[in-house]
Structure formats: C-alpha cells, structure tokens
N, C-alpha and C. Protein backbone atom coordinates (compact mmCIF):
# COMPACT_ATOMS: atom_id res chain seq x y z
N MET A 1 1.23 -0.89 0.57
CA MET A 1 0.82 -1.20 -0.77
C MET A 1 -0.42 -0.43 -1.19
N PHE A 2 -1.02 0.27 -0.27
CA PHE A 2 -2.28 0.94 -0.54
C PHE A 2 -2.07 2.44 -0.57
N HIS A 3 -3.08 3.18 -1.01
CA HIS A 3 -2.89 4.61 -1.21
C HIS A 3 -3.11 5.44 0.04
N ALA A 4 -3.90 4.96 1.01
CA ALA A 4 -4.16 5.74 2.22
C ALA A 4 -4.62 4.83 3.35
N THR A 5 -4.46 5.30 4.57
CA THR A 5 -4.89 4.57 5.76
C THR A 5 -5.82 5.45 6.57
N ASP A 6 -6.99 4.93 6.87
CA ASP A 6 -7.96 5.68 7.68
C ASP A 6 -7.52 5.76 9.12
N LEU A 7 -7.82 6.89 9.75
CA LEU A 7 -7.56 7.06 11.18
C LEU A 7 -8.86 6.95 11.95
N ALA A 8 -8.80 6.34 13.12
CA ALA A 8 -9.94 6.31 14.03
C ALA A 8 -9.92 7.60 14.84
N PRO A 9 -11.07 8.04 15.32
CA PRO A 9 -11.10 9.27 16.12
C PRO A 9 -10.20 9.19 17.35
N THR A 10 -9.94 8.00 17.86
CA THR A 10 -9.13 7.84 19.06
C THR A 10 -7.63 7.72 18.76
N ASP A 11 -7.24 7.66 17.49
CA ASP A 11 -5.83 7.54 17.15
C ASP A 11 -5.06 8.79 17.53
N ASP A 12 -3.83 8.60 18.00
CA ASP A 12 -2.94 9.69 18.35
C ASP A 12 -2.18 10.11 17.09
N ARG A 13 -2.45 11.28 16.58
CA ARG A 13 -1.84 11.75 15.34
C ARG A 13 -0.46 12.37 15.55
N ALA A 14 -0.10 12.68 16.79
CA ALA A 14 1.11 13.46 17.06
C ALA A 14 2.37 12.83 16.48
N ALA A 15 2.56 11.53 16.70
CA ALA A 15 3.78 10.88 16.20
C ALA A 15 3.85 10.94 14.68
N LEU A 16 2.72 10.71 14.03
CA LEU A 16 2.70 10.78 12.57
C LEU A 16 2.89 12.21 12.07
N GLU A 17 2.28 13.16 12.76
CA GLU A 17 2.43 14.57 12.36
C GLU A 17 3.89 15.01 12.45
N SER A 18 4.60 14.52 13.46
CA SER A 18 6.00 14.91 13.63
C SER A 18 6.88 14.41 12.49
N LEU A 19 6.40 13.41 11.75
CA LEU A 19 7.13 12.87 10.61
C LEU A 19 6.74 13.53 9.29
N GLY A 20 5.84 14.52 9.37
CA GLY A 20 5.41 15.22 8.17
C GLY A 20 4.32 14.49 7.39
N THR A 21 3.57 13.66 8.07
CA THR A 21 2.51 12.90 7.41
C THR A 21 1.47 13.83 6.81
N VAL A 22 1.04 13.51 5.60
CA VAL A 22 0.00 14.28 4.92
C VAL A 22 -1.34 13.65 5.27
N PHE A 23 -2.21 14.43 5.94
CA PHE A 23 -3.54 13.96 6.32
C PHE A 23 -4.56 14.54 5.35
N VAL A 24 -5.56 13.73 5.04
CA VAL A 24 -6.65 14.15 4.17
C VAL A 24 -7.94 13.88 4.94
N ALA A 25 -8.81 14.87 4.98
CA ALA A 25 -10.09 14.69 5.69
C ALA A 25 -11.23 15.03 4.75
N ASP A 26 -12.30 14.26 4.88
CA ASP A 26 -13.54 14.58 4.19
C ASP A 26 -14.67 14.25 5.14
N ILE A 27 -15.90 14.26 4.66
CA ILE A 27 -17.03 14.03 5.57
C ILE A 27 -17.07 12.60 6.09
N HIS A 28 -16.35 11.69 5.45
CA HIS A 28 -16.38 10.28 5.84
C HIS A 28 -15.27 9.88 6.79
N SER A 29 -14.08 10.44 6.62
CA SER A 29 -12.95 9.98 7.43
C SER A 29 -11.77 10.95 7.33
N THR A 30 -10.81 10.69 8.20
CA THR A 30 -9.50 11.32 8.10
C THR A 30 -8.52 10.18 7.82
N ARG A 31 -7.63 10.40 6.89
CA ARG A 31 -6.69 9.35 6.53
C ARG A 31 -5.35 9.99 6.19
N PHE A 32 -4.33 9.14 6.10
CA PHE A 32 -3.02 9.64 5.69
C PHE A 32 -2.53 8.86 4.50
N GLU A 33 -1.77 9.55 3.66
CA GLU A 33 -1.28 8.97 2.41
C GLU A 33 -0.20 7.93 2.68
N GLN A 34 -0.12 6.98 1.78
CA GLN A 34 0.92 5.97 1.81
C GLN A 34 1.92 6.28 0.70
N PRO A 35 3.13 5.85 0.75
CA PRO A 35 3.68 5.03 1.83
C PRO A 35 3.81 5.81 3.12
N CYS A 36 3.67 5.11 4.22
CA CYS A 36 3.70 5.72 5.54
C CYS A 36 5.11 6.20 5.88
N PRO A 37 5.24 7.45 6.30
CA PRO A 37 6.57 7.95 6.65
C PRO A 37 7.13 7.30 7.92
N ALA A 38 6.29 6.60 8.69
CA ALA A 38 6.76 5.93 9.89
C ALA A 38 7.43 4.59 9.57
N GLN A 39 7.30 4.12 8.34
CA GLN A 39 7.95 2.88 7.93
C GLN A 39 9.39 3.17 7.52
N VAL A 40 10.32 2.60 8.25
CA VAL A 40 11.74 2.77 7.95
C VAL A 40 12.36 1.39 7.95
N GLY A 41 12.87 0.99 6.79
CA GLY A 41 13.49 -0.32 6.69
C GLY A 41 12.51 -1.45 6.98
N GLY A 42 11.24 -1.23 6.65
CA GLY A 42 10.23 -2.26 6.86
C GLY A 42 9.72 -2.35 8.28
N CYS A 43 10.12 -1.42 9.13
CA CYS A 43 9.68 -1.43 10.53
C CYS A 43 8.94 -0.14 10.85
N CYS A 44 7.93 -0.27 11.69
CA CYS A 44 7.14 0.88 12.11
C CYS A 44 7.87 1.61 13.25
N THR A 45 8.13 2.89 13.04
CA THR A 45 8.85 3.67 14.06
C THR A 45 7.91 4.26 15.11
N VAL A 46 6.60 4.10 14.91
CA VAL A 46 5.62 4.58 15.90
C VAL A 46 4.78 3.41 16.40
N TYR A 47 5.36 2.22 16.43
CA TYR A 47 4.62 0.99 16.72
C TYR A 47 3.74 1.08 17.97
N PRO A 48 4.25 1.57 19.11
CA PRO A 48 3.39 1.60 20.30
C PRO A 48 2.15 2.49 20.15
N THR A 49 2.22 3.50 19.28
CA THR A 49 1.09 4.41 19.11
C THR A 49 0.53 4.35 17.69
N ARG A 50 0.78 3.26 16.98
CA ARG A 50 0.32 3.14 15.59
C ARG A 50 -1.21 3.21 15.54
N PRO A 51 -1.74 3.67 14.40
CA PRO A 51 -3.19 3.80 14.27
C PRO A 51 -3.91 2.45 14.41
N MET A 52 -5.17 2.52 14.79
CA MET A 52 -5.99 1.32 14.98
C MET A 52 -6.06 0.49 13.70
N MET A 53 -6.15 1.15 12.55
CA MET A 53 -6.20 0.42 11.27
C MET A 53 -4.96 -0.46 11.12
N CYS A 54 -3.82 0.05 11.52
CA CYS A 54 -2.58 -0.73 11.44
C CYS A 54 -2.60 -1.88 12.46
N ARG A 55 -3.12 -1.61 13.64
CA ARG A 55 -3.20 -2.66 14.68
C ARG A 55 -4.10 -3.81 14.23
N ASP A 56 -5.18 -3.47 13.54
CA ASP A 56 -6.16 -4.47 13.14
C ASP A 56 -5.87 -5.13 11.79
N TYR A 57 -4.85 -4.65 11.10
CA TYR A 57 -4.56 -5.14 9.75
C TYR A 57 -3.95 -6.54 9.83
N ASN A 58 -4.66 -7.51 9.30
CA ASN A 58 -4.19 -8.90 9.29
C ASN A 58 -4.20 -9.41 7.85
N CYS A 59 -3.11 -9.16 7.15
CA CYS A 59 -3.05 -9.59 5.76
C CYS A 59 -2.71 -11.08 5.71
N ALA A 60 -2.91 -11.66 4.56
CA ALA A 60 -2.66 -13.10 4.38
C ALA A 60 -1.21 -13.45 4.71
N LEU A 61 -0.28 -12.59 4.34
CA LEU A 61 1.14 -12.88 4.59
C LEU A 61 1.44 -12.91 6.09
N LEU A 62 0.90 -11.96 6.84
CA LEU A 62 1.10 -11.95 8.29
C LEU A 62 0.54 -13.22 8.92
N LEU A 63 -0.65 -13.62 8.50
CA LEU A 63 -1.24 -14.83 9.06
C LEU A 63 -0.40 -16.07 8.73
N LYS A 64 0.18 -16.10 7.54
CA LYS A 64 1.05 -17.23 7.17
C LYS A 64 2.28 -17.27 8.06
N VAL A 65 2.84 -16.10 8.37
CA VAL A 65 4.00 -16.05 9.27
C VAL A 65 3.59 -16.53 10.66
N GLU A 66 2.47 -16.02 11.15
CA GLU A 66 2.02 -16.42 12.50
C GLU A 66 1.69 -17.90 12.59
N GLU A 67 1.23 -18.49 11.49
CA GLU A 67 0.91 -19.92 11.47
C GLU A 67 2.15 -20.78 11.26
N GLY A 68 3.27 -20.16 10.94
CA GLY A 68 4.50 -20.92 10.68
C GLY A 68 4.57 -21.48 9.27
N ALA A 69 3.65 -21.07 8.40
CA ALA A 69 3.64 -21.56 7.02
C ALA A 69 4.73 -20.92 6.17
N ILE A 70 5.23 -19.77 6.62
CA ILE A 70 6.32 -19.08 5.93
C ILE A 70 7.17 -18.40 6.99
N GLY A 71 8.46 -18.35 6.77
CA GLY A 71 9.36 -17.72 7.72
C GLY A 71 9.39 -16.20 7.55
N GLU A 72 9.86 -15.52 8.58
CA GLU A 72 9.93 -14.06 8.52
C GLU A 72 10.85 -13.58 7.40
N ALA A 73 11.96 -14.27 7.18
CA ALA A 73 12.90 -13.86 6.13
C ALA A 73 12.24 -13.97 4.76
N ASP A 74 11.50 -15.05 4.52
CA ASP A 74 10.81 -15.21 3.24
C ASP A 74 9.70 -14.17 3.09
N ALA A 75 9.01 -13.86 4.18
CA ALA A 75 7.97 -12.83 4.14
C ALA A 75 8.59 -11.48 3.81
N ARG A 76 9.74 -11.19 4.38
CA ARG A 76 10.43 -9.92 4.12
C ARG A 76 10.78 -9.80 2.64
N VAL A 77 11.20 -10.91 2.01
CA VAL A 77 11.52 -10.90 0.57
C VAL A 77 10.26 -10.53 -0.23
N ILE A 78 9.12 -11.09 0.16
CA ILE A 78 7.86 -10.78 -0.53
C ILE A 78 7.51 -9.30 -0.36
N VAL A 79 7.62 -8.80 0.85
CA VAL A 79 7.32 -7.38 1.11
C VAL A 79 8.26 -6.48 0.32
N ASP A 80 9.55 -6.81 0.33
CA ASP A 80 10.52 -6.00 -0.41
C ASP A 80 10.25 -6.03 -1.91
N SER A 81 9.88 -7.20 -2.44
CA SER A 81 9.57 -7.32 -3.87
C SER A 81 8.34 -6.49 -4.23
N ALA A 82 7.32 -6.55 -3.39
CA ALA A 82 6.11 -5.77 -3.64
C ALA A 82 6.39 -4.27 -3.55
N THR A 83 7.21 -3.88 -2.59
CA THR A 83 7.57 -2.46 -2.44
C THR A 83 8.34 -1.97 -3.67
N THR A 84 9.26 -2.78 -4.16
CA THR A 84 10.02 -2.43 -5.35
C THR A 84 9.10 -2.27 -6.56
N LEU A 85 8.18 -3.24 -6.72
CA LEU A 85 7.21 -3.14 -7.82
C LEU A 85 6.35 -1.88 -7.68
N ARG A 86 5.86 -1.62 -6.46
CA ARG A 86 5.03 -0.44 -6.22
C ARG A 86 5.78 0.82 -6.65
N ASP A 87 7.03 0.93 -6.23
CA ASP A 87 7.81 2.12 -6.55
C ASP A 87 8.06 2.25 -8.05
N ARG A 88 8.31 1.11 -8.73
CA ARG A 88 8.53 1.14 -10.18
C ARG A 88 7.26 1.55 -10.91
N VAL A 89 6.13 0.99 -10.50
CA VAL A 89 4.86 1.33 -11.15
C VAL A 89 4.54 2.80 -10.91
N HIS A 90 4.72 3.25 -9.68
CA HIS A 90 4.46 4.66 -9.37
C HIS A 90 5.32 5.58 -10.24
N ALA A 91 6.61 5.28 -10.33
CA ALA A 91 7.53 6.10 -11.12
C ALA A 91 7.16 6.07 -12.60
N GLY A 92 6.84 4.89 -13.11
CA GLY A 92 6.47 4.76 -14.52
C GLY A 92 5.19 5.51 -14.85
N LEU A 93 4.21 5.39 -13.97
CA LEU A 93 2.95 6.11 -14.21
C LEU A 93 3.13 7.61 -14.05
N ALA A 94 3.98 8.03 -13.14
CA ALA A 94 4.22 9.46 -12.95
C ALA A 94 4.83 10.06 -14.22
N GLU A 95 5.73 9.32 -14.86
CA GLU A 95 6.33 9.81 -16.11
C GLU A 95 5.30 9.88 -17.24
N LEU A 96 4.44 8.86 -17.30
CA LEU A 96 3.48 8.78 -18.39
C LEU A 96 2.23 9.62 -18.15
N ASP A 97 1.91 9.88 -16.91
CA ASP A 97 0.63 10.49 -16.59
C ASP A 97 0.78 11.51 -15.47
N ALA A 98 1.61 12.49 -15.70
CA ALA A 98 1.85 13.52 -14.69
C ALA A 98 0.54 14.21 -14.32
N GLY A 99 0.40 14.53 -13.05
CA GLY A 99 -0.77 15.25 -12.60
C GLY A 99 -1.87 14.36 -12.05
N TRP A 100 -1.81 13.08 -12.30
CA TRP A 100 -2.83 12.16 -11.79
C TRP A 100 -2.49 11.83 -10.34
N PRO A 101 -3.47 11.70 -9.47
CA PRO A 101 -3.17 11.42 -8.06
C PRO A 101 -2.28 10.19 -7.89
N ARG A 102 -1.50 10.21 -6.84
CA ARG A 102 -0.49 9.20 -6.57
C ARG A 102 -1.09 8.00 -5.84
N MET A 103 -2.16 7.45 -6.30
CA MET A 103 -2.84 6.36 -5.61
C MET A 103 -2.52 5.04 -6.28
N LEU A 104 -2.31 4.01 -5.48
CA LEU A 104 -1.98 2.71 -6.04
C LEU A 104 -2.88 1.59 -5.55
N GLY A 105 -4.03 1.89 -4.98
CA GLY A 105 -4.97 0.83 -4.69
C GLY A 105 -5.38 0.19 -6.01
N SER A 106 -5.87 -1.03 -5.98
CA SER A 106 -6.17 -1.76 -7.21
C SER A 106 -7.05 -0.95 -8.17
N GLN A 107 -8.11 -0.36 -7.68
CA GLN A 107 -9.01 0.41 -8.54
C GLN A 107 -8.28 1.61 -9.12
N HIS A 108 -7.54 2.34 -8.30
CA HIS A 108 -6.83 3.52 -8.77
C HIS A 108 -5.72 3.15 -9.74
N LEU A 109 -5.05 2.06 -9.48
CA LEU A 109 -3.98 1.60 -10.35
C LEU A 109 -4.54 1.29 -11.73
N THR A 110 -5.64 0.58 -11.78
CA THR A 110 -6.27 0.25 -13.06
C THR A 110 -6.67 1.52 -13.79
N GLN A 111 -7.26 2.48 -13.08
CA GLN A 111 -7.66 3.74 -13.70
C GLN A 111 -6.46 4.47 -14.28
N ARG A 112 -5.36 4.47 -13.56
CA ARG A 112 -4.17 5.18 -14.04
C ARG A 112 -3.59 4.52 -15.28
N VAL A 113 -3.56 3.18 -15.30
CA VAL A 113 -3.03 2.48 -16.46
C VAL A 113 -3.91 2.76 -17.68
N ILE A 114 -5.23 2.70 -17.50
CA ILE A 114 -6.15 2.99 -18.61
C ILE A 114 -5.96 4.42 -19.10
N ARG A 115 -5.84 5.36 -18.18
CA ARG A 115 -5.67 6.76 -18.55
C ARG A 115 -4.35 6.96 -19.32
N ALA A 116 -3.27 6.32 -18.84
CA ALA A 116 -1.98 6.44 -19.54
C ALA A 116 -2.07 5.84 -20.94
N HIS A 117 -2.77 4.72 -21.07
CA HIS A 117 -2.92 4.09 -22.38
C HIS A 117 -3.70 5.00 -23.34
N LYS A 118 -4.76 5.63 -22.83
CA LYS A 118 -5.55 6.53 -23.67
C LYS A 118 -4.72 7.73 -24.13
N ARG A 119 -3.87 8.21 -23.25
CA ARG A 119 -3.09 9.41 -23.58
C ARG A 119 -1.91 9.10 -24.48
N HIS A 120 -1.29 7.93 -24.30
CA HIS A 120 -0.03 7.65 -24.99
C HIS A 120 -0.11 6.50 -25.97
N GLY A 121 -1.21 5.76 -25.98
CA GLY A 121 -1.28 4.58 -26.83
C GLY A 121 -0.32 3.51 -26.32
N SER A 122 -0.13 2.52 -27.11
CA SER A 122 0.77 1.44 -26.71
C SER A 122 2.22 1.88 -26.94
N SER A 123 3.05 1.63 -25.94
CA SER A 123 4.47 1.97 -26.05
C SER A 123 5.25 0.98 -25.20
N PRO A 124 6.52 0.81 -25.47
CA PRO A 124 7.33 -0.10 -24.64
C PRO A 124 7.34 0.33 -23.17
N GLU A 125 7.38 1.65 -22.93
CA GLU A 125 7.39 2.13 -21.55
C GLU A 125 6.10 1.74 -20.84
N LEU A 126 4.97 1.94 -21.51
CA LEU A 126 3.69 1.61 -20.90
C LEU A 126 3.57 0.10 -20.71
N GLU A 127 4.06 -0.68 -21.66
CA GLU A 127 3.98 -2.14 -21.53
C GLU A 127 4.75 -2.62 -20.28
N HIS A 128 5.89 -2.01 -20.00
CA HIS A 128 6.64 -2.37 -18.79
C HIS A 128 5.84 -2.01 -17.54
N VAL A 129 5.22 -0.83 -17.55
CA VAL A 129 4.41 -0.41 -16.41
C VAL A 129 3.23 -1.36 -16.23
N VAL A 130 2.58 -1.71 -17.33
CA VAL A 130 1.43 -2.63 -17.25
C VAL A 130 1.86 -3.98 -16.70
N ASP A 131 2.99 -4.51 -17.19
CA ASP A 131 3.48 -5.80 -16.69
C ASP A 131 3.74 -5.73 -15.18
N ASP A 132 4.42 -4.67 -14.76
CA ASP A 132 4.70 -4.51 -13.32
C ASP A 132 3.42 -4.32 -12.52
N ALA A 133 2.46 -3.55 -13.08
CA ALA A 133 1.20 -3.32 -12.38
C ALA A 133 0.42 -4.62 -12.21
N LEU A 134 0.42 -5.46 -13.23
CA LEU A 134 -0.26 -6.76 -13.12
C LEU A 134 0.40 -7.65 -12.08
N LYS A 135 1.72 -7.65 -12.05
CA LYS A 135 2.45 -8.43 -11.03
C LYS A 135 2.13 -7.90 -9.64
N LEU A 136 2.10 -6.58 -9.51
CA LEU A 136 1.81 -5.96 -8.21
C LEU A 136 0.40 -6.30 -7.76
N GLN A 137 -0.57 -6.19 -8.67
CA GLN A 137 -1.94 -6.52 -8.29
C GLN A 137 -2.07 -7.97 -7.86
N ALA A 138 -1.36 -8.87 -8.53
CA ALA A 138 -1.38 -10.29 -8.13
C ALA A 138 -0.77 -10.47 -6.75
N MET A 139 0.33 -9.77 -6.48
CA MET A 139 0.96 -9.87 -5.15
C MET A 139 0.05 -9.31 -4.07
N ILE A 140 -0.60 -8.18 -4.35
CA ILE A 140 -1.51 -7.60 -3.37
C ILE A 140 -2.64 -8.57 -3.08
N SER A 141 -3.20 -9.14 -4.12
CA SER A 141 -4.31 -10.08 -3.96
C SER A 141 -3.88 -11.31 -3.16
N GLU A 142 -2.72 -11.84 -3.46
CA GLU A 142 -2.26 -13.08 -2.79
C GLU A 142 -1.76 -12.84 -1.37
N HIS A 143 -1.00 -11.77 -1.17
CA HIS A 143 -0.29 -11.62 0.10
C HIS A 143 -0.79 -10.51 1.02
N PHE A 144 -1.41 -9.48 0.46
CA PHE A 144 -1.68 -8.29 1.26
C PHE A 144 -3.16 -7.96 1.44
N THR A 145 -4.04 -8.80 0.94
CA THR A 145 -5.45 -8.57 1.22
C THR A 145 -5.70 -8.87 2.69
N VAL A 146 -6.65 -8.19 3.24
CA VAL A 146 -6.96 -8.34 4.66
C VAL A 146 -7.77 -9.61 4.86
N ARG A 147 -7.35 -10.37 5.82
CA ARG A 147 -8.09 -11.57 6.22
C ARG A 147 -8.63 -11.32 7.61
N PRO A 148 -9.81 -11.86 7.93
CA PRO A 148 -10.35 -11.65 9.28
C PRO A 148 -9.39 -12.20 10.34
N ASP A 149 -9.28 -11.46 11.44
CA ASP A 149 -8.47 -11.91 12.57
C ASP A 149 -9.21 -13.05 13.23
N PRO A 150 -8.62 -14.26 13.27
CA PRO A 150 -9.34 -15.40 13.86
C PRO A 150 -9.68 -15.19 15.32
N ASP A 151 -8.92 -14.35 16.04
CA ASP A 151 -9.20 -14.10 17.45
C ASP A 151 -10.39 -13.15 17.63
N ASN A 152 -10.71 -12.37 16.60
CA ASN A 152 -11.81 -11.41 16.68
C ASN A 152 -12.98 -11.76 15.78
N ALA A 153 -12.99 -13.00 15.27
CA ALA A 153 -14.08 -13.41 14.37
C ALA A 153 -15.39 -13.48 15.15
N PRO A 154 -16.51 -13.10 14.48
CA PRO A 154 -17.81 -13.13 15.17
C PRO A 154 -18.27 -14.55 15.45
C-alpha cells in the first residue's frame, strides 16, 4: 500500500534484484519501489530472505489476525480490496496527471489529487479518483498502519 520500502544494510538484495526490483538510493537510505515484485497472489516469494523492514512490519490487520479477532480469509478480502483501490487510484491519477511520480503514500496521494484538481478542475473522472483515494486512505489508516510489535516493545 506504500510507495517504497527501505532496505537495511544487512538485507540480501539478490533475490529482489533477480525479479527486476527498482532500487532508489540517496544519502539517507536505499529503498525499492512498491508494489513489490516479490508479491505474487498476496504471498511473498522471497519470504526466507525478505528485507528487515518486511520482517518487522506489524500492521493493525496482521495483529488482528494473530489475536484471532479476524480470520485469514476476511483479512485477505481486506487486502484484496485495498489493492484493487490502490490500482484504481494509481490508474486514475496516471491518466489525469501523467509524469507525476507513482507514489501512493498518504502524503504523496494527497499531493497528486491536489495537483490533478489544479490542472483539470472538477470532473467526474477526478471525483471518482478522489472517492477511491479517500476510501484507500481510510483503509490504510485502519488496517495497514504499523503498530508496535508487542514482543519487541520497550
């Protein structure tokens, strides 16, 4: 659901590189763009060597599954719905705002919607994108924000 994942210096990049992963480096970090090419059918194909960020990622939805508050099948429906929304928003914004980076983090998503509105004004196409973007942001906030790992809490 996010635009990029940071790599730790100790992460093994080979498996991701073999999938054609696009890496971006600056003075602060090295990261790879999302969606992750290692995700196939909702499963990680490099699970044993996945990056540390992925190992440490404990979103609210995962914790609910681990606590038994929601079943895996219901969680999969939520993930699939969010992925569908993400793809629709990305496609809609790409049509309305070609050339803008393909980022969908909350801040970037808001910037893209504002930019599309400034360029095109109000239109039915933009209204659909805005509706989907708002739904996506709500889903990210409710289900995919990172929660502290209770086993690693200070």
